[in-house]
């Protein structure tokens, strides 16, 4: 929200939203949406994420990362091969117990508020999906770099903690960089500092349809465009089923739509009204 507040001032736009928070120690991609593009926030927030994470074995902390209080520490000599042998247990559909230092609410209270008061409460496990989990490199004794492709809601520091528990030596996250959020990669990202010093920051913005780039484009005839603009569902023969980026004759992005049972239905409209 600090980033959104700064961008609100830079672009003189009240409507600013982000597509998924980052831990305070984390860096990397934070999709931010301005103006009518804020209608796309929910799609970015629901998308998969990819991270590069530092794993430090032999240490356990109260926050599950190295910003917290160290609860236990021990010498460790785990090889990369030994680490890789336990990773399959954390891939696919798994259950994670959210960390106490998180913004999840239990009975109306944020967990980190309770944790700061020295309280710990039972947290129900939450289903997440780890699409892939690999060791990128070993950087030192008990120090590794992991690449994690996961669903929304995954706590990478909890993953590091749980891997340490599985190995019997404890573990904590030592760094975190988000390299992909939904369809946006780190290569497309612009630093806040660059935006602040740019003479024309508007030129740095991507069009909202870039979020939906993996979906095929569909250009409508004028009569069909009018129906979309009026929120109608209508038949569109010989169009395969699926999700489409829908455009008018002037190539203005109109809506994200679903083609189902021969009919085109709007999921979310993006044309200016």
Protein backbone atom coordinates (compact mmCIF):
# COMPACT_ATOMS: atom_id res chain seq x y z
CA UNK A 1 0.00 0.00 0.00
CA UNK A 2 3.01 2.30 0.49
CA UNK A 3 3.88 1.77 -3.17
CA UNK A 4 0.27 2.45 -4.21
CA UNK A 5 0.25 5.68 -2.18
CA UNK A 6 3.42 6.93 -3.89
CA UNK A 7 2.07 6.07 -7.36
CA UNK A 8 -1.23 7.76 -6.55
CA UNK A 9 0.71 10.99 -6.12
CA UNK A 10 2.99 10.51 -9.14
CA UNK A 11 0.18 9.74 -11.58
CA UNK A 12 -2.47 11.96 -9.90
CA UNK A 13 -4.86 8.98 -10.00
CA UNK A 14 -7.05 7.98 -7.07
CA UNK A 15 -7.78 4.52 -8.42
CA UNK A 16 -4.62 2.49 -7.71
CA UNK A 17 -4.50 -1.17 -6.67
CA UNK A 18 -1.87 -3.92 -6.39
CA UNK A 19 -1.93 -7.56 -7.43
CA UNK A 20 -0.49 -9.27 -4.36
CA UNK A 21 1.53 -8.19 -1.32
CA UNK A 22 5.17 -9.00 -0.65
CA UNK A 23 6.85 -9.73 2.68
CA UNK A 24 8.76 -6.68 4.01
CA UNK A 25 12.11 -8.35 3.28
CA UNK A 26 11.12 -9.39 -0.24
CA UNK A 27 11.96 -7.72 -3.55
CA UNK A 28 10.72 -8.24 -7.08
CA UNK A 29 7.55 -7.94 -9.12
CA UNK A 30 4.58 -6.07 -7.67
CA UNK A 31 1.87 -5.57 -10.32
CA UNK A 32 0.15 -2.21 -9.82
CA UNK A 33 -2.98 -1.10 -11.67
CA UNK A 34 -4.16 2.45 -12.32
CA UNK A 35 -7.52 3.89 -13.30
CA UNK A 36 -10.01 1.55 -14.92
CA UNK A 37 -7.25 -1.07 -15.04
CA UNK A 38 -7.88 -1.65 -11.31
CA UNK A 39 -10.72 -3.89 -12.50
CA UNK A 40 -7.96 -6.38 -13.37
CA UNK A 41 -6.47 -6.57 -9.86
CA UNK A 42 -8.41 -9.71 -8.94
CA UNK A 43 -7.00 -11.60 -11.94
CA UNK A 44 -3.39 -10.74 -11.06
CA UNK A 45 -3.95 -11.61 -7.39
CA UNK A 46 -5.35 -15.03 -8.36
CA UNK A 47 -2.45 -15.85 -10.69
CA UNK A 48 0.55 -18.08 -10.03
CA UNK A 49 3.78 -16.66 -8.63
CA UNK A 50 7.44 -17.57 -9.10
CA UNK A 51 10.14 -16.85 -6.53
CA UNK A 52 13.87 -17.14 -6.02
CA UNK A 53 14.36 -17.86 -2.31
CA UNK A 54 17.35 -18.25 -0.06
CA UNK A 55 17.17 -21.24 2.31
CA UNK A 56 19.36 -21.32 5.40
CA UNK A 57 19.42 -24.71 7.09
CA UNK A 58 20.30 -25.29 10.73
CA UNK A 59 18.33 -22.35 12.09
CA UNK A 60 14.71 -21.91 13.24
CA UNK A 61 13.12 -18.50 13.87
CA UNK A 62 9.77 -17.27 15.15
CA UNK A 63 8.97 -15.61 11.80
CA UNK A 64 10.31 -18.47 9.65
CA UNK A 65 12.75 -16.04 8.04
CA UNK A 66 16.00 -14.42 9.11
CA UNK A 67 14.33 -11.17 10.24
CA UNK A 68 12.91 -12.95 13.29
CA UNK A 69 14.17 -14.11 16.66
CA UNK A 70 16.36 -17.22 16.45
CA UNK A 71 14.72 -20.03 18.44
CA UNK A 72 17.18 -22.83 17.69
CA UNK A 73 20.48 -23.21 15.90
CA UNK A 74 22.66 -26.21 15.10
CA UNK A 75 25.58 -27.14 12.85
CA UNK A 76 24.43 -28.66 9.58
CA UNK A 77 26.13 -30.39 6.66
CA UNK A 78 23.31 -31.16 4.23
CA UNK A 79 24.38 -31.73 0.63
CA UNK A 80 22.45 -30.52 -2.38
CA UNK A 81 21.58 -34.12 -3.21
CA UNK A 82 20.12 -34.68 0.28
CA UNK A 83 18.05 -31.50 -0.07
CA UNK A 84 16.77 -32.49 -3.51
CA UNK A 85 15.67 -35.88 -2.17
CA UNK A 86 13.10 -34.30 0.19
CA UNK A 87 11.69 -31.72 -2.24
CA UNK A 88 9.19 -34.05 -3.98
CA UNK A 89 7.23 -34.20 -0.68
CA UNK A 90 6.54 -30.47 -1.07
CA UNK A 91 5.43 -30.48 -4.70
CA UNK A 92 1.90 -30.67 -6.08
CA UNK A 93 -1.17 -30.01 -3.94
CA UNK A 94 -0.05 -29.66 -0.31
CA UNK A 95 -1.33 -28.23 2.97
CA UNK A 96 0.48 -25.37 4.69
CA UNK A 97 -0.03 -24.10 8.23
CA UNK A 98 0.19 -20.29 7.89
CA UNK A 99 2.91 -18.66 10.00
CA UNK A 100 1.93 -16.69 13.10
CA UNK A 101 3.66 -13.66 11.58
CA UNK A 102 1.15 -13.19 8.76
CA UNK A 103 -1.81 -10.92 8.00
CA UNK A 104 -4.33 -13.78 8.05
CA UNK A 105 -7.20 -13.11 10.43
CA UNK A 106 -8.35 -15.61 13.04
CA UNK A 107 -11.51 -14.59 14.88
CA UNK A 108 -11.13 -11.04 13.61
CA UNK A 109 -7.52 -10.60 14.74
CA UNK A 110 -4.50 -10.52 12.43
CA UNK A 111 -2.07 -13.28 13.35
CA UNK A 112 0.96 -10.99 13.47
CA UNK A 113 -0.82 -8.77 16.02
CA UNK A 114 -1.29 -11.80 18.28
CA UNK A 115 2.28 -12.98 17.65
CA UNK A 116 3.68 -9.61 18.71
CA UNK A 117 1.85 -10.04 22.02
CA UNK A 118 3.54 -13.40 22.49
CA UNK A 119 0.40 -15.40 21.71
CA UNK A 120 0.13 -18.39 19.41
CA UNK A 121 -3.18 -19.76 18.18
CA UNK A 122 -4.14 -22.84 16.21
CA UNK A 123 -4.19 -22.19 12.47
CA UNK A 124 -6.08 -24.50 10.12
CA UNK A 125 -3.92 -25.84 7.27
CA UNK A 126 -4.56 -24.20 3.90
CA UNK A 127 -4.33 -25.93 0.52
CA UNK A 128 -1.74 -24.52 -1.89
CA UNK A 129 -0.12 -25.86 -5.04
CA UNK A 130 3.63 -26.04 -5.65
CA UNK A 131 3.94 -26.46 -9.42
CA UNK A 132 7.72 -26.81 -9.32
CA UNK A 133 10.46 -26.63 -6.69
CA UNK A 134 14.12 -26.85 -7.65
CA UNK A 135 17.53 -26.12 -6.16
CA UNK A 136 19.25 -23.42 -8.21
CA UNK A 137 22.58 -23.56 -6.38
CA UNK A 138 24.39 -24.08 -3.10
CA UNK A 139 25.96 -20.83 -1.88
CA UNK A 140 27.58 -22.02 1.33
CA UNK A 141 27.44 -24.60 4.11
CA UNK A 142 23.72 -25.17 4.67
CA UNK A 143 22.91 -22.27 2.31
CA UNK A 144 20.88 -22.87 -0.85
CA UNK A 145 18.89 -20.98 -3.47
CA UNK A 146 15.49 -22.39 -4.43
CA UNK A 147 13.21 -21.59 -7.35
CA UNK A 148 9.52 -21.93 -6.46
CA UNK A 149 6.57 -21.79 -8.89
CA UNK A 150 3.43 -21.80 -6.77
CA UNK A 151 -0.21 -20.84 -6.44
CA UNK A 152 -1.44 -17.70 -4.73
CA UNK A 153 -1.45 -17.83 -0.95
CA UNK A 154 1.76 -19.88 -0.70
CA UNK A 155 4.13 -18.86 2.09
CA UNK A 156 7.65 -19.47 0.81
CA UNK A 157 9.12 -18.89 4.28
CA UNK A 158 6.82 -21.63 5.62
CA UNK A 159 8.05 -23.85 2.80
CA UNK A 160 11.65 -23.17 3.91
CA UNK A 161 10.72 -23.86 7.54
CA UNK A 162 8.97 -27.12 6.65
CA UNK A 163 11.87 -28.31 4.47
CA UNK A 164 14.19 -27.72 7.43
CA UNK A 165 11.88 -29.73 9.67
CA UNK A 166 11.79 -32.55 7.13
CA UNK A 167 15.59 -32.64 7.08
CA UNK A 168 15.65 -32.62 10.89
CA UNK A 169 17.92 -29.59 11.19
CA UNK A 170 15.53 -26.65 10.96
CA UNK A 171 15.43 -24.03 8.23
CA UNK A 172 14.52 -20.41 7.57
CA UNK A 173 14.15 -18.17 4.54
CA UNK A 174 17.16 -15.87 4.14
CA UNK A 175 16.02 -13.91 1.06
CA UNK A 176 13.07 -13.70 -1.31
CA UNK A 177 12.67 -12.25 -4.78
CA UNK A 178 9.47 -12.57 -6.79
CA UNK A 179 10.46 -13.00 -10.42
CA UNK A 180 6.99 -13.56 -11.84
CA UNK A 181 3.51 -12.55 -10.77
CA UNK A 182 0.69 -13.84 -12.98
CA UNK A 183 1.85 -13.04 -16.54
CA UNK A 184 4.32 -10.30 -15.50
CA UNK A 185 8.04 -11.12 -15.26
CA UNK A 186 10.91 -9.35 -13.52
CA UNK A 187 12.21 -8.30 -16.94
CA UNK A 188 9.13 -6.12 -17.44
CA UNK A 189 9.37 -4.49 -14.02
CA UNK A 190 10.26 -0.83 -13.45
CA UNK A 191 11.73 0.34 -10.16
CA UNK A 192 9.87 2.91 -8.08
CA UNK A 193 12.95 5.14 -8.26
CA UNK A 194 12.89 5.03 -12.07
CA UNK A 195 9.22 6.04 -12.10
CA UNK A 196 9.90 8.90 -9.69
CA UNK A 197 12.67 10.41 -11.83
CA UNK A 198 11.12 9.75 -15.26
CA UNK A 199 9.97 12.88 -17.10
CA UNK A 200 6.96 11.04 -18.57
CA UNK A 201 5.98 8.19 -16.19
CA UNK A 202 2.79 7.51 -18.16
CA UNK A 203 4.98 6.12 -20.95
CA UNK A 204 6.14 3.36 -18.58
CA UNK A 205 2.64 1.89 -18.15
CA UNK A 206 1.68 -1.33 -19.88
CA UNK A 207 -1.77 -1.69 -21.46
CA UNK A 208 -4.19 -3.60 -19.22
CA UNK A 209 -4.66 -6.37 -21.80
CA UNK A 210 -1.00 -7.35 -21.31
CA UNK A 211 -2.15 -9.15 -18.16
CA UNK A 212 -4.24 -11.47 -20.34
CA UNK A 213 -1.58 -12.02 -23.01
CA UNK A 214 -1.74 -15.85 -22.70
CA UNK A 215 -5.40 -15.77 -23.88
CA UNK A 216 -6.08 -15.49 -27.63
CA UNK A 217 -7.39 -12.24 -29.12
CA UNK A 218 -10.84 -11.94 -30.69
CA UNK A 219 -11.87 -8.92 -32.80
CA UNK A 220 -15.61 -8.29 -33.07
CA UNK A 221 -17.72 -6.90 -35.88
CA UNK A 222 -19.41 -3.56 -35.04
CA UNK A 223 -22.78 -5.18 -34.28
CA UNK A 224 -21.20 -7.66 -31.86
CA UNK A 225 -19.09 -4.90 -30.28
CA UNK A 226 -22.26 -2.96 -29.52
CA UNK A 227 -23.69 -6.03 -27.75
CA UNK A 228 -20.55 -6.41 -25.62
CA UNK A 229 -20.70 -2.73 -24.69
CA UNK A 230 -24.30 -3.26 -23.61
CA UNK A 231 -23.37 -6.26 -21.44
CA UNK A 232 -25.18 -8.79 -23.60
CA UNK A 233 -24.43 -12.50 -24.03
CA UNK A 234 -24.77 -13.56 -27.66
CA UNK A 235 -24.06 -16.36 -30.11
CA UNK A 236 -20.80 -16.37 -32.02
CA UNK A 237 -20.80 -19.37 -34.37
CA UNK A 238 -17.63 -21.27 -35.25
CA UNK A 239 -15.67 -19.79 -32.34
CA UNK A 240 -13.90 -22.40 -30.15
CA UNK A 241 -14.63 -22.44 -26.43
CA UNK A 242 -12.21 -20.69 -24.09
CA UNK A 243 -11.16 -17.36 -22.60
CA UNK A 244 -10.55 -14.47 -25.01
CA UNK A 245 -9.19 -10.94 -25.07
CA UNK A 246 -11.93 -9.14 -26.97
CA UNK A 247 -11.31 -6.06 -29.15
CA UNK A 248 -13.36 -3.68 -31.26
CA UNK A 249 -12.72 -2.81 -34.89
CA UNK A 250 -10.39 0.01 -33.76
CA UNK A 251 -8.40 -2.55 -31.71
CA UNK A 252 -9.48 -0.97 -28.43
CA UNK A 253 -9.49 -3.60 -25.67
CA UNK A 254 -13.10 -4.15 -24.65
CA UNK A 255 -13.32 -7.08 -22.26
CA UNK A 256 -12.14 -10.44 -21.06
CA UNK A 257 -14.76 -12.91 -22.24
CA UNK A 258 -15.60 -16.60 -22.08
CA UNK A 259 -16.85 -18.53 -25.09
CA UNK A 260 -19.05 -21.36 -23.82
CA UNK A 261 -21.72 -23.47 -25.52
CA UNK A 262 -21.64 -21.26 -28.59
CA UNK A 263 -22.15 -18.01 -26.70
CA UNK A 264 -19.78 -15.18 -25.79
CA UNK A 265 -20.16 -13.89 -22.24
CA UNK A 266 -18.27 -11.02 -20.58
CA UNK A 267 -16.15 -11.93 -17.56
CA UNK A 268 -15.01 -8.33 -16.99
CA UNK A 269 -15.27 -5.24 -19.18
CA UNK A 270 -12.43 -2.72 -19.54
CA UNK A 271 -13.67 -0.16 -22.07
CA UNK A 272 -14.05 3.39 -20.86
CA UNK A 273 -17.70 4.23 -20.24
